[in-house]
C-alpha atoms as a PDB file:
ATOM      1  CA  MET A   1     -37.768  15.941 -11.096  1.00  0.00           C
ATOM      2  CA  LYS A   2     -37.018  12.694 -12.883  1.00  0.00           C
ATOM      3  CA  PHE A   3     -39.776  10.320 -13.692  1.00  0.00           C
ATOM      4  CA  GLY A   4     -39.847   6.331 -14.441  1.00  0.00           C
ATOM      5  CA  VAL A   5     -42.623   3.934 -15.012  1.00  0.00           C
ATOM      6  CA  GLN A   6     -43.202   0.279 -14.381  1.00  0.00           C
ATOM      7  CA  VAL A   7     -44.155  -2.089 -17.208  1.00  0.00           C
ATOM      8  CA  ASN A   8     -47.377  -4.421 -16.493  1.00  0.00           C
ATOM      9  CA  SER A   9     -46.066  -8.282 -16.955  1.00  0.00           C
ATOM     10  CA  PHE A  10     -49.111  -9.618 -15.971  1.00  0.00           C
ATOM     11  CA  ASN A  11     -52.139 -10.647 -17.690  1.00  0.00           C
ATOM     12  CA  ALA A  12     -50.427  -9.055 -20.848  1.00  0.00           C
ATOM     13  CA  SER A  13     -49.379 -10.089 -24.113  1.00  0.00           C
ATOM     14  CA  TRP A  14     -45.317  -9.674 -25.320  1.00  0.00           C
ATOM     15  CA  ASP A  15     -46.885  -7.134 -28.026  1.00  0.00           C
ATOM     16  CA  ASP A  16     -48.449  -5.268 -25.397  1.00  0.00           C
ATOM     17  CA  ILE A  17     -45.088  -5.064 -23.412  1.00  0.00           C
ATOM     18  CA  ARG A  18     -43.214  -4.337 -26.804  1.00  0.00           C
ATOM     19  CA  ALA A  19     -45.736  -1.341 -27.308  1.00  0.00           C
ATOM     20  CA  TYR A  20     -45.039   0.025 -23.642  1.00  0.00           C
ATOM     21  CA  ILE A  21     -41.532  -0.037 -23.701  1.00  0.00           C
ATOM     22  CA  GLN A  22     -41.082   1.417 -27.350  1.00  0.00           C
ATOM     23  CA  THR A  23     -43.585   4.267 -26.010  1.00  0.00           C
ATOM     24  CA  VAL A  24     -41.375   4.822 -22.544  1.00  0.00           C
ATOM     25  CA  GLU A  25     -38.359   5.222 -24.777  1.00  0.00           C
ATOM     26  CA  ALA A  26     -39.863   7.604 -27.499  1.00  0.00           C
ATOM     27  CA  GLY A  27     -41.102   9.966 -24.249  1.00  0.00           C
ATOM     28  CA  ARG A  28     -39.437  12.147 -21.887  1.00  0.00           C
ATOM     29  CA  TRP A  29     -39.205   9.241 -18.828  1.00  0.00           C
ATOM     30  CA  ASN A  30     -36.022   8.716 -17.285  1.00  0.00           C
ATOM     31  CA  SER A  31     -36.576   5.079 -16.537  1.00  0.00           C
ATOM     32  CA  LEU A  32     -38.696   1.800 -17.143  1.00  0.00           C
ATOM     33  CA  TRP A  33     -39.166  -0.681 -14.381  1.00  0.00           C
ATOM     34  CA  PHE A  34     -40.128  -4.229 -14.162  1.00  0.00           C
ATOM     35  CA  ALA A  35     -41.736  -6.357 -11.227  1.00  0.00           C
ATOM     36  CA  ASP A  36     -39.934  -9.515 -10.075  1.00  0.00           C
ATOM     37  CA  HIS A  37     -42.780 -12.229  -9.335  1.00  0.00           C
ATOM     38  CA  PHE A  38     -43.975 -15.531 -10.813  1.00  0.00           C
ATOM     39  CA  LEU A  39     -47.367 -15.242  -9.983  1.00  0.00           C
ATOM     40  CA  PRO A  40     -49.240 -12.015 -10.161  1.00  0.00           C
ATOM     41  CA  PRO A  41     -49.437 -10.681  -6.756  1.00  0.00           C
ATOM     42  CA  PRO A  42     -52.538  -9.444  -5.125  1.00  0.00           C
ATOM     43  CA  VAL A  43     -52.537  -5.570  -5.281  1.00  0.00           C
ATOM     44  CA  PRO A  44     -55.574  -3.017  -4.667  1.00  0.00           C
ATOM     45  CA  THR A  45     -55.269  -1.129  -8.031  1.00  0.00           C
ATOM     46  CA  LYS A  46     -56.964  -4.068  -9.996  1.00  0.00           C
ATOM     47  CA  LEU A  47     -55.031  -3.573 -12.948  1.00  0.00           C
ATOM     48  CA  TRP A  48     -54.538  -7.561 -13.337  1.00  0.00           C
ATOM     49  CA  PRO A  49     -56.932 -10.451 -11.976  1.00  0.00           C
ATOM     50  CA  THR A  50     -55.999 -12.400  -8.850  1.00  0.00           C
ATOM     51  CA  GLU A  51     -56.176 -15.510 -10.555  1.00  0.00           C
ATOM     52  CA  GLU A  52     -52.841 -17.356 -10.756  1.00  0.00           C
ATOM     53  CA  HIS A  53     -53.241 -18.399 -14.160  1.00  0.00           C
ATOM     54  CA  VAL A  54     -52.500 -15.519 -16.157  1.00  0.00           C
ATOM     55  CA  THR A  55     -49.444 -14.381 -17.852  1.00  0.00           C
ATOM     56  CA  CYS A  56     -46.620 -13.229 -15.880  1.00  0.00           C
ATOM     57  CA  PHE A  57     -43.337 -12.743 -17.403  1.00  0.00           C
ATOM     58  CA  ASP A  58     -39.763 -13.256 -15.860  1.00  0.00           C
ATOM     59  CA  GLY A  59     -38.520  -9.963 -14.704  1.00  0.00           C
ATOM     60  CA  PHE A  60     -34.708 -10.211 -15.394  1.00  0.00           C
ATOM     61  CA  THR A  61     -35.296 -11.553 -18.542  1.00  0.00           C
ATOM     62  CA  LEU A  62     -37.667  -8.748 -19.732  1.00  0.00           C
ATOM     63  CA  ILE A  63     -34.902  -6.076 -18.470  1.00  0.00           C
ATOM     64  CA  ALA A  64     -32.559  -7.866 -20.703  1.00  0.00           C
ATOM     65  CA  VAL A  65     -35.009  -7.623 -23.622  1.00  0.00           C
ATOM     66  CA  ALA A  66     -35.205  -3.802 -23.168  1.00  0.00           C
ATOM     67  CA  ALA A  67     -31.864  -3.358 -22.906  1.00  0.00           C
ATOM     68  CA  GLY A  68     -32.026  -4.722 -26.520  1.00  0.00           C
ATOM     69  CA  MET A  69     -34.781  -2.329 -27.105  1.00  0.00           C
ATOM     70  CA  THR A  70     -33.854   0.971 -25.833  1.00  0.00           C
ATOM     71  CA  GLN A  71     -30.799   3.476 -25.819  1.00  0.00           C
ATOM     72  CA  ARG A  72     -31.161   5.877 -22.988  1.00  0.00           C
ATOM     73  CA  LEU A  73     -33.751   4.699 -20.368  1.00  0.00           C
ATOM     74  CA  MET A  74     -32.305   3.636 -17.175  1.00  0.00           C
ATOM     75  CA  LEU A  75     -33.799  -0.205 -16.506  1.00  0.00           C
ATOM     76  CA  GLY A  76     -34.556  -1.931 -13.349  1.00  0.00           C
ATOM     77  CA  GLY A  77     -36.708  -4.212 -11.077  1.00  0.00           C
ATOM     78  CA  LEU A  78     -38.999  -2.848  -8.258  1.00  0.00           C
ATOM     79  CA  VAL A  79     -37.768  -5.294  -7.064  1.00  0.00           C
ATOM     80  CA  MET A  80     -35.689  -8.325  -7.282  1.00  0.00           C
ATOM     81  CA  GLY A  81     -36.695 -10.612  -4.132  1.00  0.00           C
ATOM     82  CA  ASN A  82     -33.521 -12.135  -2.620  1.00  0.00           C
ATOM     83  CA  THR A  83     -34.988 -15.562  -1.981  1.00  0.00           C
ATOM     84  CA  TYR A  84     -35.187 -16.453  -5.896  1.00  0.00           C
ATOM     85  CA  ARG A  85     -31.711 -16.057  -6.798  1.00  0.00           C
ATOM     86  CA  ASN A  86     -28.423 -16.753  -5.264  1.00  0.00           C
ATOM     87  CA  PRO A  87     -26.964 -13.380  -4.641  1.00  0.00           C
ATOM     88  CA  ALA A  88     -24.086 -13.734  -6.574  1.00  0.00           C
ATOM     89  CA  LEU A  89     -25.642 -15.006  -9.247  1.00  0.00           C
ATOM     90  CA  VAL A  90     -27.526 -11.646  -9.182  1.00  0.00           C
ATOM     91  CA  ALA A  91     -24.401  -9.864  -9.060  1.00  0.00           C
ATOM     92  CA  LYS A  92     -22.946 -11.710 -12.242  1.00  0.00           C
ATOM     93  CA  MET A  93     -26.269 -11.030 -13.931  1.00  0.00           C
ATOM     94  CA  ALA A  94     -26.456  -7.499 -12.863  1.00  0.00           C
ATOM     95  CA  ALA A  95     -22.857  -6.752 -13.974  1.00  0.00           C
ATOM     96  CA  THR A  96     -23.710  -8.291 -17.483  1.00  0.00           C
ATOM     97  CA  LEU A  97     -26.991  -5.771 -17.798  1.00  0.00           C
ATOM     98  CA  ASP A  98     -24.801  -3.098 -16.912  1.00  0.00           C
ATOM     99  CA  GLN A  99     -22.130  -3.946 -19.490  1.00  0.00           C
ATOM    100  CA  ALA A 100     -24.774  -4.697 -22.233  1.00  0.00           C
ATOM    101  CA  SER A 101     -26.874  -1.938 -21.531  1.00  0.00           C
ATOM    102  CA  LYS A 102     -23.318   0.957 -21.096  1.00  0.00           C
ATOM    103  CA  GLY A 103     -24.525   1.726 -17.570  1.00  0.00           C
ATOM    104  CA  ARG A 104     -28.392   2.052 -17.703  1.00  0.00           C
ATOM    105  CA  PHE A 105     -28.962  -0.742 -14.908  1.00  0.00           C
ATOM    106  CA  VAL A 106     -30.269  -0.319 -11.395  1.00  0.00           C
ATOM    107  CA  LEU A 107     -30.480  -3.222  -8.919  1.00  0.00           C
ATOM    108  CA  GLY A 108     -33.676  -3.072  -7.096  1.00  0.00           C
ATOM    109  CA  LEU A 109     -33.591  -5.476  -4.508  1.00  0.00           C
ATOM    110  CA  GLY A 110     -36.088  -6.630  -1.330  1.00  0.00           C
ATOM    111  CA  SER A 111     -36.547  -9.533   1.152  1.00  0.00           C
ATOM    112  CA  ALA A 112     -39.320 -10.971  -0.773  1.00  0.00           C
ATOM    113  CA  TRP A 113     -43.002 -11.032   0.548  1.00  0.00           C
ATOM    114  CA  PHE A 114     -45.440 -13.298  -1.296  1.00  0.00           C
ATOM    115  CA  ARG A 115     -45.357 -16.651   0.349  1.00  0.00           C
ATOM    116  CA  ARG A 116     -47.975 -17.926  -2.387  1.00  0.00           C
ATOM    117  CA  GLU A 117     -45.373 -18.018  -5.350  1.00  0.00           C
ATOM    118  CA  HIS A 118     -42.926 -19.404  -2.755  1.00  0.00           C
ATOM    119  CA  GLU A 119     -45.232 -22.265  -2.324  1.00  0.00           C
ATOM    120  CA  ALA A 120     -46.286 -22.902  -5.837  1.00  0.00           C
ATOM    121  CA  TYR A 121     -42.641 -23.269  -7.120  1.00  0.00           C
ATOM    122  CA  GLY A 122     -41.082 -25.332  -3.964  1.00  0.00           C
ATOM    123  CA  TRP A 123     -38.803 -22.572  -2.746  1.00  0.00           C
ATOM    124  CA  ASP A 124     -38.622 -22.057   1.127  1.00  0.00           C
ATOM    125  CA  PHE A 125     -40.113 -19.027   2.564  1.00  0.00           C
ATOM    126  CA  PRO A 126     -38.321 -18.421   5.704  1.00  0.00           C
ATOM    127  CA  SER A 127     -39.785 -16.368   8.955  1.00  0.00           C
ATOM    128  CA  LEU A 128     -39.427 -12.700   8.159  1.00  0.00           C
ATOM    129  CA  LYS A 129     -36.369 -12.581  10.654  1.00  0.00           C
ATOM    130  CA  GLU A 130     -34.042 -14.882   8.518  1.00  0.00           C
ATOM    131  CA  ARG A 131     -35.604 -13.155   5.379  1.00  0.00           C
ATOM    132  CA  SER A 132     -34.445  -9.826   6.917  1.00  0.00           C
ATOM    133  CA  ASP A 133     -31.058 -11.627   7.976  1.00  0.00           C
ATOM    134  CA  ARG A 134     -30.692 -13.140   4.567  1.00  0.00           C
ATOM    135  CA  PHE A 135     -31.459  -9.751   2.914  1.00  0.00           C
ATOM    136  CA  GLN A 136     -28.911  -7.892   4.782  1.00  0.00           C
ATOM    137  CA  GLU A 137     -26.195 -10.339   3.852  1.00  0.00           C
ATOM    138  CA  ALA A 138     -26.910 -10.433   0.282  1.00  0.00           C
ATOM    139  CA  CYS A 139     -26.783  -6.912   0.279  1.00  0.00           C
ATOM    140  CA  GLU A 140     -23.299  -6.841   1.569  1.00  0.00           C
ATOM    141  CA  LEU A 141     -22.230  -9.325  -0.606  1.00  0.00           C
ATOM    142  CA  ILE A 142     -23.319  -8.066  -3.748  1.00  0.00           C
ATOM    143  CA  ARG A 143     -21.625  -4.824  -2.704  1.00  0.00           C
ATOM    144  CA  LYS A 144     -18.309  -6.295  -2.029  1.00  0.00           C
ATOM    145  CA  LEU A 145     -18.378  -8.296  -5.596  1.00  0.00           C
ATOM    146  CA  PHE A 146     -19.456  -4.638  -7.242  1.00  0.00           C
ATOM    147  CA  THR A 147     -16.630  -2.653  -5.618  1.00  0.00           C
ATOM    148  CA  ALA A 148     -13.589  -5.373  -5.351  1.00  0.00           C
ATOM    149  CA  ASP A 149     -10.736  -4.713  -7.521  1.00  0.00           C
ATOM    150  CA  GLY A 150     -10.094  -8.621  -7.486  1.00  0.00           C
ATOM    151  CA  PRO A 151     -11.887 -11.609  -6.096  1.00  0.00           C
ATOM    152  CA  VAL A 152     -13.978 -11.686  -2.917  1.00  0.00           C
ATOM    153  CA  ASP A 153     -14.311 -14.193  -0.104  1.00  0.00           C
ATOM    154  CA  TYR A 154     -17.219 -13.883   2.181  1.00  0.00           C
ATOM    155  CA  ASN A 155     -17.971 -16.009   5.114  1.00  0.00           C
ATOM    156  CA  GLY A 156     -21.697 -15.211   5.872  1.00  0.00           C
ATOM    157  CA  ARG A 157     -24.604 -17.122   7.853  1.00  0.00           C
ATOM    158  CA  TYR A 158     -26.174 -17.971   5.146  1.00  0.00           C
ATOM    159  CA  TYR A 159     -23.840 -17.275   1.760  1.00  0.00           C
ATOM    160  CA  ARG A 160     -20.307 -17.879   0.935  1.00  0.00           C
ATOM    161  CA  LEU A 161     -17.809 -16.861  -1.378  1.00  0.00           C
ATOM    162  CA  ASN A 162     -14.322 -18.359  -2.512  1.00  0.00           C
ATOM    163  CA  GLN A 163     -12.206 -16.246  -4.168  1.00  0.00           C
ATOM    164  CA  ALA A 164     -15.101 -15.162  -6.469  1.00  0.00           C
ATOM    165  CA  PRO A 165     -14.241 -12.842  -9.292  1.00  0.00           C
ATOM    166  CA  LEU A 166     -16.815 -10.324 -10.787  1.00  0.00           C
ATOM    167  CA  SER A 167     -15.822 -10.104 -14.303  1.00  0.00           C
ATOM    168  CA  PRO A 168     -16.666  -8.001 -16.256  1.00  0.00           C
ATOM    169  CA  GLY A 169     -17.539  -5.882 -13.669  1.00  0.00           C
ATOM    170  CA  CYS A 170     -19.638  -2.994 -13.473  1.00  0.00           C
ATOM    171  CA  TYR A 171     -19.774  -0.335 -16.284  1.00  0.00           C
ATOM    172  CA  GLN A 172     -20.871   2.437 -14.014  1.00  0.00           C
ATOM    173  CA  LYS A 173     -18.585   3.607 -11.637  1.00  0.00           C
ATOM    174  CA  PRO A 174     -18.053   3.850  -9.087  1.00  0.00           C
ATOM    175  CA  HIS A 175     -20.488   0.782  -8.970  1.00  0.00           C
ATOM    176  CA  ILE A 176     -24.395  -0.159 -10.176  1.00  0.00           C
ATOM    177  CA  PRO A 177     -26.791   1.686  -8.088  1.00  0.00           C
ATOM    178  CA  ILE A 178     -28.182  -0.615  -5.304  1.00  0.00           C
ATOM    179  CA  LEU A 179     -32.098   0.157  -4.471  1.00  0.00           C
ATOM    180  CA  VAL A 180     -33.282  -1.298  -1.228  1.00  0.00           C
ATOM    181  CA  GLY A 181     -37.112  -1.884  -1.322  1.00  0.00           C
ATOM    182  CA  GLY A 182     -38.986  -1.929   1.992  1.00  0.00           C
ATOM    183  CA  HIS A 183     -39.588   0.641   4.691  1.00  0.00           C
ATOM    184  CA  GLY A 184     -39.131  -1.820   7.584  1.00  0.00           C
ATOM    185  CA  GLU A 185     -37.355   0.865  10.342  1.00  0.00           C
ATOM    186  CA  ARG A 186     -35.326  -1.635  12.415  1.00  0.00           C
ATOM    187  CA  ARG A 187     -33.959  -3.985   9.471  1.00  0.00           C
ATOM    188  CA  THR A 188     -34.363  -2.776   5.877  1.00  0.00           C
ATOM    189  CA  LEU A 189     -33.722   0.863   6.430  1.00  0.00           C
ATOM    190  CA  ARG A 190     -30.720  -0.206   8.489  1.00  0.00           C
ATOM    191  CA  THR A 191     -29.911  -2.475   5.318  1.00  0.00           C
ATOM    192  CA  LEU A 192     -30.336   0.683   3.249  1.00  0.00           C
ATOM    193  CA  ALA A 193     -27.929   2.648   5.270  1.00  0.00           C
ATOM    194  CA  MET A 194     -25.281  -0.108   5.210  1.00  0.00           C
ATOM    195  CA  HIS A 195     -25.057  -1.529   1.920  1.00  0.00           C
ATOM    196  CA  GLY A 196     -27.465   0.679  -0.406  1.00  0.00           C
ATOM    197  CA  ASP A 197     -27.812   3.677  -2.811  1.00  0.00           C
ATOM    198  CA  ILE A 198     -31.245   4.465  -3.234  1.00  0.00           C
ATOM    199  CA  PHE A 199     -34.428   5.003  -0.999  1.00  0.00           C
ATOM    200  CA  ASN A 200     -37.856   3.999  -2.503  1.00  0.00           C
ATOM    201  CA  PHE A 201     -40.850   5.227  -0.579  1.00  0.00           C
ATOM    202  CA  ASN A 202     -43.162   2.856  -1.903  1.00  0.00           C
ATOM    203  CA  ALA A 203     -46.868   3.175  -1.911  1.00  0.00           C
ATOM    204  CA  TRP A 204     -47.379  -0.549  -0.831  1.00  0.00           C
ATOM    205  CA  GLY A 205     -45.786  -0.298   2.457  1.00  0.00           C
ATOM    206  CA  THR A 206     -47.529   3.209   4.114  1.00  0.00           C
ATOM    207  CA  ARG A 207     -50.504   1.581   5.332  1.00  0.00           C
ATOM    208  CA  ASN A 208     -49.323   1.663   8.802  1.00  0.00           C
ATOM    209  CA  LEU A 209     -48.395   5.192   8.407  1.00  0.00           C
ATOM    210  CA  SER A 210     -50.816   7.461   9.450  1.00  0.00           C
ATOM    211  CA  ASP A 211     -50.181  10.221   6.650  1.00  0.00           C
ATOM    212  CA  GLY A 212     -50.192   7.734   3.823  1.00  0.00           C
ATOM    213  CA  MET A 213     -48.320   8.683   0.885  1.00  0.00           C
ATOM    214  CA  SER A 214     -47.491  11.961   2.162  1.00  0.00           C
ATOM    215  CA  VAL A 215     -44.661  14.340   2.350  1.00  0.00           C
ATOM    216  CA  ALA A 216     -44.856  14.006   6.152  1.00  0.00           C
ATOM    217  CA  SER A 217     -44.252  10.070   6.154  1.00  0.00           C
ATOM    218  CA  TYR A 218     -41.271  10.452   3.889  1.00  0.00           C
ATOM    219  CA  GLN A 219     -39.498  12.509   5.715  1.00  0.00           C
ATOM    220  CA  TYR A 220     -40.301  10.767   8.915  1.00  0.00           C
ATOM    221  CA  LEU A 221     -38.873   7.749   6.982  1.00  0.00           C
ATOM    222  CA  ILE A 222     -35.762   9.721   5.817  1.00  0.00           C
ATOM    223  CA  GLY A 223     -35.221  10.612   9.459  1.00  0.00           C
ATOM    224  CA  VAL A 224     -35.174   7.108  10.432  1.00  0.00           C
ATOM    225  CA  LEU A 225     -32.553   6.201   7.527  1.00  0.00           C
ATOM    226  CA  GLU A 226     -30.328   9.151   8.756  1.00  0.00           C
ATOM    227  CA  ARG A 227     -30.119   7.898  12.269  1.00  0.00           C
ATOM    228  CA  HIS A 228     -29.280   4.666  10.755  1.00  0.00           C
ATOM    229  CA  CYS A 229     -26.515   6.152   8.499  1.00  0.00           C
ATOM    230  CA  GLU A 230     -25.202   8.202  11.889  1.00  0.00           C
ATOM    231  CA  GLU A 231     -24.789   4.687  13.552  1.00  0.00           C
ATOM    232  CA  VAL A 232     -22.882   2.781  10.841  1.00  0.00           C
ATOM    233  CA  GLY A 233     -20.792   5.561   9.664  1.00  0.00           C
ATOM    234  CA  ARG A 234     -22.456   6.592   6.414  1.00  0.00           C
ATOM    235  CA  ASP A 235     -23.293  10.112   4.869  1.00  0.00           C
ATOM    236  CA  PRO A 236     -26.946  10.212   4.345  1.00  0.00           C
ATOM    237  CA  ALA A 237     -26.400  12.377   1.270  1.00  0.00           C
ATOM    238  CA  GLU A 238     -24.910   9.359  -0.844  1.00  0.00           C
ATOM    239  CA  ILE A 239     -28.402   7.861  -0.705  1.00  0.00           C
ATOM    240  CA  ARG A 240     -30.775   9.355  -3.439  1.00  0.00           C
ATOM    241  CA  GLY A 241     -34.388   9.675  -2.404  1.00  0.00           C
ATOM    242  CA  THR A 242     -37.312   8.157  -4.839  1.00  0.00           C
ATOM    243  CA  ILE A 243     -40.958   7.454  -4.758  1.00  0.00           C
ATOM    244  CA  HIS A 244     -42.961   4.306  -6.395  1.00  0.00           C
ATOM    245  CA  MET A 245     -46.664   6.059  -6.529  1.00  0.00           C
ATOM    246  CA  PRO A 246     -49.556   4.895  -7.896  1.00  0.00           C
ATOM    247  CA  LEU A 247     -51.111   7.654  -9.757  1.00  0.00           C
ATOM    248  CA  ASN A 248     -55.092   8.230 -11.091  1.00  0.00           C
ATOM    249  CA  LEU A 249     -55.053  11.222 -13.109  1.00  0.00           C
ATOM    250  CA  THR A 250     -58.789  12.245 -13.468  1.00  0.00           C
ATOM    251  CA  ASP A 251     -61.061  14.941 -13.121  1.00  0.00           C
ATOM    252  CA  ASP A 252     -63.758  12.697 -11.736  1.00  0.00           C
ATOM    253  CA  LYS A 253     -63.985  13.143  -8.334  1.00  0.00           C
ATOM    254  CA  GLU A 254     -65.668   9.805  -7.419  1.00  0.00           C
ATOM    255  CA  SER A 255     -62.585   8.098  -9.331  1.00  0.00           C
ATOM    256  CA  ALA A 256     -60.339   9.530  -7.060  1.00  0.00           C
ATOM    257  CA  LYS A 257     -62.297   9.038  -3.905  1.00  0.00           C
ATOM    258  CA  ARG A 258     -62.264   5.454  -4.786  1.00  0.00           C
ATOM    259  CA  SER A 259     -58.470   5.316  -5.443  1.00  0.00           C
ATOM    260  CA  VAL A 260     -57.761   6.924  -1.940  1.00  0.00           C
ATOM    261  CA  GLU A 261     -59.945   4.443  -0.554  1.00  0.00           C
ATOM    262  CA  ARG A 262     -58.105   1.539  -2.233  1.00  0.00           C
ATOM    263  CA  LEU A 263     -54.691   2.901  -1.609  1.00  0.00           C
ATOM    264  CA  GLY A 264     -54.880   4.678   1.487  1.00  0.00           C
ATOM    265  CA  PRO A 265     -54.275   8.302   2.579  1.00  0.00           C
ATOM    266  CA  GLY A 266     -52.159  10.496   0.311  1.00  0.00           C
ATOM    267  CA  ALA A 267     -52.803   8.965  -2.900  1.00  0.00           C
ATOM    268  CA  MET A 268     -51.873  10.508  -5.932  1.00  0.00           C
ATOM    269  CA  ALA A 269     -55.144  10.897  -7.544  1.00  0.00           C
ATOM    270  CA  GLY A 270     -56.773  13.603  -9.007  1.00  0.00           C
ATOM    271  CA  PRO A 271     -56.915  16.231 -11.887  1.00  0.00           C
ATOM    272  CA  ARG A 272     -53.974  17.500 -13.149  1.00  0.00           C
ATOM    273  CA  ASN A 273     -52.987  20.777 -11.364  1.00  0.00           C
ATOM    274  CA  TYR A 274     -53.577  18.917  -8.401  1.00  0.00           C
ATOM    275  CA  ILE A 275     -51.090  16.141  -9.368  1.00  0.00           C
ATOM    276  CA  VAL A 276     -48.181  18.784 -10.278  1.00  0.00           C
ATOM    277  CA  ASP A 277     -48.613  20.593  -7.012  1.00  0.00           C
ATOM    278  CA  ARG A 278     -48.310  17.219  -5.247  1.00  0.00           C
ATOM    279  CA  ILE A 279     -45.308  16.359  -6.990  1.00  0.00           C
ATOM    280  CA  GLY A 280     -43.666  19.868  -6.457  1.00  0.00           C
ATOM    281  CA  GLU A 281     -44.002  19.340  -2.513  1.00  0.00           C
ATOM    282  CA  PHE A 282     -42.345  15.926  -3.081  1.00  0.00           C
ATOM    283  CA  ALA A 283     -39.537  17.659  -5.272  1.00  0.00           C
ATOM    284  CA  ASP A 284     -39.130  20.649  -2.339  1.00  0.00           C
ATOM    285  CA  ALA A 285     -38.541  17.580   0.002  1.00  0.00           C
ATOM    286  CA  GLY A 286     -35.571  16.273  -1.840  1.00  0.00           C
ATOM    287  CA  VAL A 287     -37.476  13.198  -4.100  1.00  0.00           C
ATOM    288  CA  GLU A 288     -35.484  12.839  -7.100  1.00  0.00           C
ATOM    289  CA  GLU A 289     -37.048  10.830  -8.897  1.00  0.00           C
ATOM    290  CA  ILE A 290     -40.868   9.069  -8.979  1.00  0.00           C
ATOM    291  CA  MET A 291     -41.520   5.934 -10.464  1.00  0.00           C
ATOM    292  CA  PHE A 292     -45.225   5.119 -11.345  1.00  0.00           C
ATOM    293  CA  PRO A 293     -46.819   1.529 -11.064  1.00  0.00           C
ATOM    294  CA  PRO A 294     -47.950   0.412 -14.317  1.00  0.00           C
ATOM    295  CA  PHE A 295     -50.617   2.384 -16.580  1.00  0.00           C
ATOM    296  CA  ARG A 296     -53.292   0.271 -18.407  1.00  0.00           C
ATOM    297  CA  ASP A 297     -52.016   0.637 -22.025  1.00  0.00           C
ATOM    298  CA  ALA A 298     -49.156   2.781 -23.676  1.00  0.00           C
ATOM    299  CA  GLU A 299     -52.064   5.549 -24.803  1.00  0.00           C
ATOM    300  CA  THR A 300     -52.030   6.303 -20.881  1.00  0.00           C
ATOM    301  CA  VAL A 301     -48.376   6.318 -20.506  1.00  0.00           C
ATOM    302  CA  GLN A 302     -48.284   9.083 -23.441  1.00  0.00           C
ATOM    303  CA  ARG A 303     -51.133  11.017 -21.472  1.00  0.00           C
ATOM    304  CA  VAL A 304     -49.271  11.129 -18.140  1.00  0.00           C
ATOM    305  CA  GLU A 305     -45.664  12.144 -19.960  1.00  0.00           C
ATOM    306  CA  GLU A 306     -47.961  15.144 -21.851  1.00  0.00           C
ATOM    307  CA  GLU A 307     -49.992  16.272 -18.882  1.00  0.00           C
ATOM    308  CA  ILE A 308     -47.295  15.672 -16.073  1.00  0.00           C
ATOM    309  CA  ALA A 309     -44.467  14.928 -16.715  1.00  0.00           C
ATOM    310  CA  ALA A 310     -44.063  17.500 -19.494  1.00  0.00           C
ATOM    311  CA  ALA A 311     -44.731  20.234 -16.639  1.00  0.00           C
ATOM    312  CA  PHE A 312     -41.344  19.471 -14.841  1.00  0.00           C
ATOM    313  CA  ASP A 313     -39.129  19.811 -17.951  1.00  0.00           C
END
C-alpha cells in the first residue's frame, strides 16, 4: 500500500505550505496532492472557515512550485476542475510539469461542482449534463494529445483542435496518468472507463452509498466501472484503484464518533490498530494507494506517517 497526503492551501500561509511539503518529502509518503479551488469550499472537516475572504492558493501553481522543491514525490491535483481552463491548455501545462518533474505528475480531473466560485469569478456554470458532456470531451481530447505521435485534430461539440501539437510531450511512458474524480455511475465512471487510468474512491462522494467509505461500497463502484469497461472494450486491469479518505487518528471515542457523524458511515476514525486494520481491508480489495485530505499541520503529517504508513513498509 502506498500513501499520499493533500496540502491545505486554504486559510494558510506560504510558510505553512512550505513546511508541509518539506515534511512530506522527507517521510515515507509516495505522493502529494493539491486542491483546485479559488474559494475555500464547504467541507465537514472544519479544517478551514467557511468565509470566502481567506487565503486560497492556486493549485496548479503550487504543484509547479512543489515540483522544484521535491525530488521523489508524485504530484497531482484532487482534482482540477474542467470548467476553469481549456483542456488543451491543461494538457500543455500537464506535459510541462511532467517534463520538469521528470515524470512525477498525475493529472487529476473532475467536471467541477462548486457553483459559488464560478459566480465569484464570472465563469459559466453549466447544467450537470453539460458539465458531464464537457468533461467527457475534455478527457478524450487530453488523452489524444498525450498519446499522439504528431499534431492532433479534434472536432467536438465544445472543444476543437486544428493540427495542435503537444511538444514537449509526456515524460512518462506511455503517458501522464489521468485520474478521473467522482463516482457518478452513469457518466463519470463511464468517462473513466473510456479515457482514464486511475479510479479515486472519494469520501466526499459516498453519502448516497448506504455503507459510506467501506470496502463494500468500493467493490460496488468497481463493479460499475468494470461493466462500463466491458461495454467500451477496455481492460479494467489497466485502471488503478485509489482512495481519498479523511483520517482521524485518535484514542478518544467521542472524537471518533463526531468524525463519523460529520463524514458518514465508514469514516476512518479511531486508534492506530483500528486504522491499520481498515487500511489492510482496502489493500486486500485491490486498492493501491490511499490519499489523506489535509492534516492541520506538519506535525500531524509526521505522526500519521510514523504510526500508520510505517506499518505498511
